Amino acid sequence: MKKALFLLLPSLLFCEKIYDTQLSKENRAAMENKKIKCRWVCDKKIYTEQKISEAVSFYKNSKYYKFEKKGF
């Protein structure tokens, strides 16, 4: 069993490199572009805000939950 494991281990390590992706010049340039990073962060913030607002509206429209206004 150990011999079979030692024989198959190098082939498993070699097969792992198949799934490594090669970066193209365009992808590398996009990763280094600050405008694209800023847009990604802004889109992510907007997406989370939309999800929060959808959740709040769901609970407001639900008949099982009630929102009460309380002063601070």
PDB file of N, CA and C in Angstrom:
ATOM      1  N   MET A   1       0.828  -1.190   0.000  1.00  0.00           N
ATOM      2  CA  MET A   1       0.000   0.000   0.000  1.00  0.00           C
ATOM      3  C   MET A   1       0.870   1.251   0.000  1.00  0.00           C
ATOM      4  N   LYS A   2       1.924   1.218   0.835  1.00  0.00           N
ATOM      5  CA  LYS A   2       2.810   2.380   0.895  1.00  0.00           C
ATOM      6  C   LYS A   2       3.540   2.579  -0.423  1.00  0.00           C
ATOM      7  N   LYS A   3       3.906   1.474  -1.071  1.00  0.00           N
ATOM      8  CA  LYS A   3       4.610   1.585  -2.351  1.00  0.00           C
ATOM      9  C   LYS A   3       3.708   2.211  -3.409  1.00  0.00           C
ATOM     10  N   ALA A   4       2.444   1.812  -3.413  1.00  0.00           N
ATOM     11  CA  ALA A   4       1.504   2.384  -4.379  1.00  0.00           C
ATOM     12  C   ALA A   4       1.300   3.867  -4.107  1.00  0.00           C
ATOM     13  N   LEU A   5       1.251   4.233  -2.847  1.00  0.00           N
ATOM     14  CA  LEU A   5       1.088   5.640  -2.488  1.00  0.00           C
ATOM     15  C   LEU A   5       2.285   6.456  -2.952  1.00  0.00           C
ATOM     16  N   PHE A   6       3.477   5.933  -2.749  1.00  0.00           N
ATOM     17  CA  PHE A   6       4.679   6.648  -3.174  1.00  0.00           C
ATOM     18  C   PHE A   6       4.793   6.720  -4.693  1.00  0.00           C
ATOM     19  N   LEU A   7       4.243   5.738  -5.390  1.00  0.00           N
ATOM     20  CA  LEU A   7       4.260   5.778  -6.846  1.00  0.00           C
ATOM     21  C   LEU A   7       3.240   6.772  -7.397  1.00  0.00           C
ATOM     22  N   LEU A   8       2.098   6.907  -6.739  1.00  0.00           N
ATOM     23  CA  LEU A   8       1.035   7.786  -7.231  1.00  0.00           C
ATOM     24  C   LEU A   8       1.178   9.227  -6.762  1.00  0.00           C
ATOM     25  N   LEU A   9       1.919   9.464  -5.708  1.00  0.00           N
ATOM     26  CA  LEU A   9       2.057  10.814  -5.160  1.00  0.00           C
ATOM     27  C   LEU A   9       2.647  11.804  -6.162  1.00  0.00           C
ATOM     28  N   PRO A  10       3.718  11.477  -6.889  1.00  0.00           N
ATOM     29  CA  PRO A  10       4.228  12.436  -7.881  1.00  0.00           C
ATOM     30  C   PRO A  10       3.221  12.753  -8.979  1.00  0.00           C
ATOM     31  N   SER A  11       2.435  11.770  -9.381  1.00  0.00           N
ATOM     32  CA  SER A  11       1.438  12.040 -10.420  1.00  0.00           C
ATOM     33  C   SER A  11       0.353  12.979  -9.902  1.00  0.00           C
ATOM     34  N   LEU A  12      -0.005  12.860  -8.641  1.00  0.00           N
ATOM     35  CA  LEU A  12      -0.993  13.775  -8.069  1.00  0.00           C
ATOM     36  C   LEU A  12      -0.447  15.192  -7.988  1.00  0.00           C
ATOM     37  N   LEU A  13       0.814  15.325  -7.633  1.00  0.00           N
ATOM     38  CA  LEU A  13       1.423  16.648  -7.570  1.00  0.00           C
ATOM     39  C   LEU A  13       1.538  17.267  -8.955  1.00  0.00           C
ATOM     40  N   PHE A  14       1.809  16.458  -9.954  1.00  0.00           N
ATOM     41  CA  PHE A  14       1.898  16.957 -11.318  1.00  0.00           C
ATOM     42  C   PHE A  14       0.528  17.383 -11.830  1.00  0.00           C
ATOM     43  N   CYS A  15      -0.505  16.640 -11.501  1.00  0.00           N
ATOM     44  CA  CYS A  15      -1.861  16.951 -11.963  1.00  0.00           C
ATOM     45  C   CYS A  15      -2.391  18.231 -11.342  1.00  0.00           C
ATOM     46  N   GLU A  16      -1.881  18.611 -10.206  1.00  0.00           N
ATOM     47  CA  GLU A  16      -2.355  19.832  -9.554  1.00  0.00           C
ATOM     48  C   GLU A  16      -2.013  21.070 -10.375  1.00  0.00           C
ATOM     49  N   LYS A  17      -0.926  21.027 -11.129  1.00  0.00           N
ATOM     50  CA  LYS A  17      -0.508  22.185 -11.916  1.00  0.00           C
ATOM     51  C   LYS A  17      -1.399  22.411 -13.125  1.00  0.00           C
ATOM     52  N   ILE A  18      -2.201  21.453 -13.488  1.00  0.00           N
ATOM     53  CA  ILE A  18      -3.100  21.614 -14.628  1.00  0.00           C
ATOM     54  C   ILE A  18      -4.110  22.719 -14.349  1.00  0.00           C
ATOM     55  N   TYR A  19      -4.530  22.829 -13.101  1.00  0.00           N
ATOM     56  CA  TYR A  19      -5.583  23.774 -12.760  1.00  0.00           C
ATOM     57  C   TYR A  19      -5.059  25.171 -12.474  1.00  0.00           C
ATOM     58  N   ASP A  20      -3.763  25.386 -12.479  1.00  0.00           N
ATOM     59  CA  ASP A  20      -3.221  26.725 -12.305  1.00  0.00           C
ATOM     60  C   ASP A  20      -3.528  27.536 -13.554  1.00  0.00           C
ATOM     61  N   THR A  21      -4.045  28.733 -13.367  1.00  0.00           N
ATOM     62  CA  THR A  21      -4.393  29.564 -14.510  1.00  0.00           C
ATOM     63  C   THR A  21      -3.241  30.502 -14.830  1.00  0.00           C
ATOM     64  N   GLN A  22      -3.055  30.739 -16.090  1.00  0.00           N
ATOM     65  CA  GLN A  22      -2.034  31.672 -16.539  1.00  0.00           C
ATOM     66  C   GLN A  22      -2.682  33.039 -16.728  1.00  0.00           C
ATOM     67  N   LEU A  23      -2.035  34.064 -16.220  1.00  0.00           N
ATOM     68  CA  LEU A  23      -2.570  35.409 -16.360  1.00  0.00           C
ATOM     69  C   LEU A  23      -2.175  35.981 -17.711  1.00  0.00           C
ATOM     70  N   SER A  24      -3.142  36.533 -18.400  1.00  0.00           N
ATOM     71  CA  SER A  24      -2.837  37.203 -19.654  1.00  0.00           C
ATOM     72  C   SER A  24      -2.399  38.631 -19.350  1.00  0.00           C
ATOM     73  N   LYS A  25      -1.901  39.309 -20.364  1.00  0.00           N
ATOM     74  CA  LYS A  25      -1.448  40.694 -20.171  1.00  0.00           C
ATOM     75  C   LYS A  25      -2.615  41.594 -19.786  1.00  0.00           C
ATOM     76  N   GLU A  26      -3.783  41.330 -20.368  1.00  0.00           N
ATOM     77  CA  GLU A  26      -4.956  42.150 -20.072  1.00  0.00           C
ATOM     78  C   GLU A  26      -5.408  41.951 -18.629  1.00  0.00           C
ATOM     79  N   ASN A  27      -5.402  40.703 -18.167  1.00  0.00           N
ATOM     80  CA  ASN A  27      -5.811  40.435 -16.789  1.00  0.00           C
ATOM     81  C   ASN A  27      -4.836  41.042 -15.795  1.00  0.00           C
ATOM     82  N   ARG A  28      -3.551  40.964 -16.103  1.00  0.00           N
ATOM     83  CA  ARG A  28      -2.551  41.546 -15.210  1.00  0.00           C
ATOM     84  C   ARG A  28      -2.696  43.068 -15.154  1.00  0.00           C
ATOM     85  N   ALA A  29      -2.948  43.693 -16.312  1.00  0.00           N
ATOM     86  CA  ALA A  29      -3.133  45.141 -16.343  1.00  0.00           C
ATOM     87  C   ALA A  29      -4.397  45.538 -15.589  1.00  0.00           C
ATOM     88  N   ALA A  30      -5.438  44.729 -15.687  1.00  0.00           N
ATOM     89  CA  ALA A  30      -6.679  45.026 -14.967  1.00  0.00           C
ATOM     90  C   ALA A  30      -6.487  44.895 -13.464  1.00  0.00           C
ATOM     91  N   MET A  31      -5.656  43.949 -13.034  1.00  0.00           N
ATOM     92  CA  MET A  31      -5.406  43.786 -11.605  1.00  0.00           C
ATOM     93  C   MET A  31      -4.646  44.979 -11.032  1.00  0.00           C
ATOM     94  N   GLU A  32      -3.808  45.608 -11.841  1.00  0.00           N
ATOM     95  CA  GLU A  32      -3.002  46.728 -11.370  1.00  0.00           C
ATOM     96  C   GLU A  32      -3.695  48.075 -11.553  1.00  0.00           C
ATOM     97  N   ASN A  33      -4.820  48.116 -12.249  1.00  0.00           N
ATOM     98  CA  ASN A  33      -5.519  49.366 -12.516  1.00  0.00           C
ATOM     99  C   ASN A  33      -6.301  49.799 -11.279  1.00  0.00           C
ATOM    100  N   LYS A  34      -6.018  50.998 -10.792  1.00  0.00           N
ATOM    101  CA  LYS A  34      -6.660  51.489  -9.569  1.00  0.00           C
ATOM    102  C   LYS A  34      -8.128  51.834  -9.801  1.00  0.00           C
ATOM    103  N   LYS A  35      -8.483  52.270 -11.002  1.00  0.00           N
ATOM    104  CA  LYS A  35      -9.877  52.609 -11.283  1.00  0.00           C
ATOM    105  C   LYS A  35     -10.763  51.370 -11.215  1.00  0.00           C
ATOM    106  N   ILE A  36     -10.265  50.266 -11.713  1.00  0.00           N
ATOM    107  CA  ILE A  36     -11.051  49.032 -11.683  1.00  0.00           C
ATOM    108  C   ILE A  36     -11.219  48.552 -10.251  1.00  0.00           C
ATOM    109  N   LYS A  37     -10.166  48.665  -9.437  1.00  0.00           N
ATOM    110  CA  LYS A  37     -10.268  48.267  -8.035  1.00  0.00           C
ATOM    111  C   LYS A  37     -11.280  49.131  -7.307  1.00  0.00           C
ATOM    112  N   CYS A  38     -11.262  50.437  -7.576  1.00  0.00           N
ATOM    113  CA  CYS A  38     -12.209  51.352  -6.928  1.00  0.00           C
ATOM    114  C   CYS A  38     -13.631  51.005  -7.343  1.00  0.00           C
ATOM    115  N   ARG A  39     -13.839  50.721  -8.608  1.00  0.00           N
ATOM    116  CA  ARG A  39     -15.168  50.371  -9.097  1.00  0.00           C
ATOM    117  C   ARG A  39     -15.655  49.085  -8.440  1.00  0.00           C
ATOM    118  N   TRP A  40     -14.762  48.125  -8.281  1.00  0.00           N
ATOM    119  CA  TRP A  40     -15.128  46.857  -7.651  1.00  0.00           C
ATOM    120  C   TRP A  40     -15.550  47.073  -6.213  1.00  0.00           C
ATOM    121  N   VAL A  41     -14.813  47.914  -5.479  1.00  0.00           N
ATOM    122  CA  VAL A  41     -15.151  48.190  -4.080  1.00  0.00           C
ATOM    123  C   VAL A  41     -16.489  48.916  -3.998  1.00  0.00           C
ATOM    124  N   CYS A  42     -16.705  49.884  -4.881  1.00  0.00           N
ATOM    125  CA  CYS A  42     -17.968  50.631  -4.877  1.00  0.00           C
ATOM    126  C   CYS A  42     -19.145  49.714  -5.213  1.00  0.00           C
ATOM    127  N   ASP A  43     -18.971  48.855  -6.211  1.00  0.00           N
ATOM    128  CA  ASP A  43     -20.039  47.919  -6.570  1.00  0.00           C
ATOM    129  C   ASP A  43     -20.346  46.968  -5.421  1.00  0.00           C
ATOM    130  N   LYS A  44     -19.321  46.552  -4.714  1.00  0.00           N
ATOM    131  CA  LYS A  44     -19.521  45.644  -3.589  1.00  0.00           C
ATOM    132  C   LYS A  44     -20.298  46.341  -2.474  1.00  0.00           C
ATOM    133  N   LYS A  45     -19.981  47.611  -2.209  1.00  0.00           N
ATOM    134  CA  LYS A  45     -20.706  48.355  -1.172  1.00  0.00           C
ATOM    135  C   LYS A  45     -22.163  48.556  -1.567  1.00  0.00           C
ATOM    136  N   ILE A  46     -22.392  48.902  -2.822  1.00  0.00           N
ATOM    137  CA  ILE A  46     -23.764  49.107  -3.294  1.00  0.00           C
ATOM    138  C   ILE A  46     -24.554  47.809  -3.209  1.00  0.00           C
ATOM    139  N   TYR A  47     -23.930  46.699  -3.565  1.00  0.00           N
ATOM    140  CA  TYR A  47     -24.598  45.397  -3.509  1.00  0.00           C
ATOM    141  C   TYR A  47     -25.001  45.057  -2.079  1.00  0.00           C
ATOM    142  N   THR A  48     -24.116  45.295  -1.110  1.00  0.00           N
ATOM    143  CA  THR A  48     -24.459  44.983   0.284  1.00  0.00           C
ATOM    144  C   THR A  48     -25.560  45.903   0.784  1.00  0.00           C
ATOM    145  N   GLU A  49     -25.526  47.177   0.384  1.00  0.00           N
ATOM    146  CA  GLU A  49     -26.595  48.093   0.790  1.00  0.00           C
ATOM    147  C   GLU A  49     -27.935  47.657   0.207  1.00  0.00           C
ATOM    148  N   GLN A  50     -27.946  47.187  -1.027  1.00  0.00           N
ATOM    149  CA  GLN A  50     -29.185  46.715  -1.640  1.00  0.00           C
ATOM    150  C   GLN A  50     -29.719  45.483  -0.923  1.00  0.00           C
ATOM    151  N   LYS A  51     -28.833  44.579  -0.555  1.00  0.00           N
ATOM    152  CA  LYS A  51     -29.263  43.380   0.165  1.00  0.00           C
ATOM    153  C   LYS A  51     -29.855  43.743   1.522  1.00  0.00           C
ATOM    154  N   ILE A  52     -29.247  44.706   2.211  1.00  0.00           N
ATOM    155  CA  ILE A  52     -29.761  45.134   3.514  1.00  0.00           C
ATOM    156  C   ILE A  52     -31.129  45.774   3.348  1.00  0.00           C
ATOM    157  N   SER A  53     -31.277  46.638   2.345  1.00  0.00           N
ATOM    158  CA  SER A  53     -32.571  47.294   2.147  1.00  0.00           C
ATOM    159  C   SER A  53     -33.651  46.289   1.743  1.00  0.00           C
ATOM    160  N   GLU A  54     -33.290  45.276   0.953  1.00  0.00           N
ATOM    161  CA  GLU A  54     -34.261  44.239   0.599  1.00  0.00           C
ATOM    162  C   GLU A  54     -34.685  43.443   1.828  1.00  0.00           C
ATOM    163  N   ALA A  55     -33.750  43.163   2.714  1.00  0.00           N
ATOM    164  CA  ALA A  55     -34.079  42.414   3.930  1.00  0.00           C
ATOM    165  C   ALA A  55     -34.984  43.238   4.837  1.00  0.00           C
ATOM    166  N   VAL A  56     -34.697  44.527   4.983  1.00  0.00           N
ATOM    167  CA  VAL A  56     -35.524  45.386   5.831  1.00  0.00           C
ATOM    168  C   VAL A  56     -36.929  45.497   5.259  1.00  0.00           C
ATOM    169  N   SER A  57     -37.041  45.685   3.944  1.00  0.00           N
ATOM    170  CA  SER A  57     -38.375  45.784   3.341  1.00  0.00           C
ATOM    171  C   SER A  57     -39.132  44.460   3.453  1.00  0.00           C
ATOM    172  N   PHE A  58     -38.437  43.341   3.389  1.00  0.00           N
ATOM    173  CA  PHE A  58     -39.086  42.047   3.565  1.00  0.00           C
ATOM    174  C   PHE A  58     -39.688  41.939   4.957  1.00  0.00           C
ATOM    175  N   TYR A  59     -38.916  42.321   5.976  1.00  0.00           N
ATOM    176  CA  TYR A  59     -39.423  42.216   7.342  1.00  0.00           C
ATOM    177  C   TYR A  59     -40.501  43.260   7.629  1.00  0.00           C
ATOM    178  N   LYS A  60     -40.431  44.416   6.982  1.00  0.00           N
ATOM    179  CA  LYS A  60     -41.485  45.424   7.168  1.00  0.00           C
ATOM    180  C   LYS A  60     -42.802  44.935   6.583  1.00  0.00           C
ATOM    181  N   ASN A  61     -42.742  44.247   5.456  1.00  0.00           N
ATOM    182  CA  ASN A  61     -43.956  43.767   4.795  1.00  0.00           C
ATOM    183  C   ASN A  61     -44.459  42.441   5.362  1.00  0.00           C
ATOM    184  N   SER A  62     -43.691  41.821   6.223  1.00  0.00           N
ATOM    185  CA  SER A  62     -44.089  40.538   6.788  1.00  0.00           C
ATOM    186  C   SER A  62     -45.154  40.743   7.858  1.00  0.00           C
ATOM    187  N   LYS A  63     -46.091  39.821   7.945  1.00  0.00           N
ATOM    188  CA  LYS A  63     -47.145  39.954   8.944  1.00  0.00           C
ATOM    189  C   LYS A  63     -46.714  39.408  10.301  1.00  0.00           C
ATOM    190  N   TYR A  64     -45.583  38.731  10.363  1.00  0.00           N
ATOM    191  CA  TYR A  64     -45.123  38.151  11.622  1.00  0.00           C
ATOM    192  C   TYR A  64     -44.193  39.076  12.407  1.00  0.00           C
ATOM    193  N   TYR A  65     -43.676  40.102  11.769  1.00  0.00           N
ATOM    194  CA  TYR A  65     -42.739  41.006  12.436  1.00  0.00           C
ATOM    195  C   TYR A  65     -43.331  42.401  12.505  1.00  0.00           C
ATOM    196  N   LYS A  66     -43.024  43.121  13.584  1.00  0.00           N
ATOM    197  CA  LYS A  66     -43.480  44.497  13.739  1.00  0.00           C
ATOM    198  C   LYS A  66     -42.293  45.377  14.076  1.00  0.00           C
ATOM    199  N   PHE A  67     -42.254  46.533  13.455  1.00  0.00           N
ATOM    200  CA  PHE A  67     -41.229  47.515  13.774  1.00  0.00           C
ATOM    201  C   PHE A  67     -41.859  48.606  14.614  1.00  0.00           C
ATOM    202  N   GLU A  68     -41.225  48.910  15.710  1.00  0.00           N
ATOM    203  CA  GLU A  68     -41.699  49.984  16.574  1.00  0.00           C
ATOM    204  C   GLU A  68     -40.634  51.059  16.634  1.00  0.00           C
ATOM    205  N   LYS A  69     -41.082  52.294  16.523  1.00  0.00           N
ATOM    206  CA  LYS A  69     -40.139  53.406  16.609  1.00  0.00           C
ATOM    207  C   LYS A  69     -39.887  53.718  18.069  1.00  0.00           C
ATOM    208  N   LYS A  70     -38.631  53.713  18.429  1.00  0.00           N
ATOM    209  CA  LYS A  70     -38.249  54.032  19.796  1.00  0.00           C
ATOM    210  C   LYS A  70     -37.275  55.195  19.764  1.00  0.00           C
ATOM    211  N   GLY A  71     -37.433  56.095  20.674  1.00  0.00           N
ATOM    212  CA  GLY A  71     -36.518  57.226  20.768  1.00  0.00           C
ATOM    213  C   GLY A  71     -35.223  56.824  21.449  1.00  0.00           C
ATOM    214  N   PHE A  72     -34.203  57.562  21.164  1.00  0.00           N
ATOM    215  CA  PHE A  72     -32.911  57.252  21.778  1.00  0.00           C
ATOM    216  C   PHE A  72     -32.796  57.859  23.131  1.00  0.00           C
TER     217      PHE A  72
END
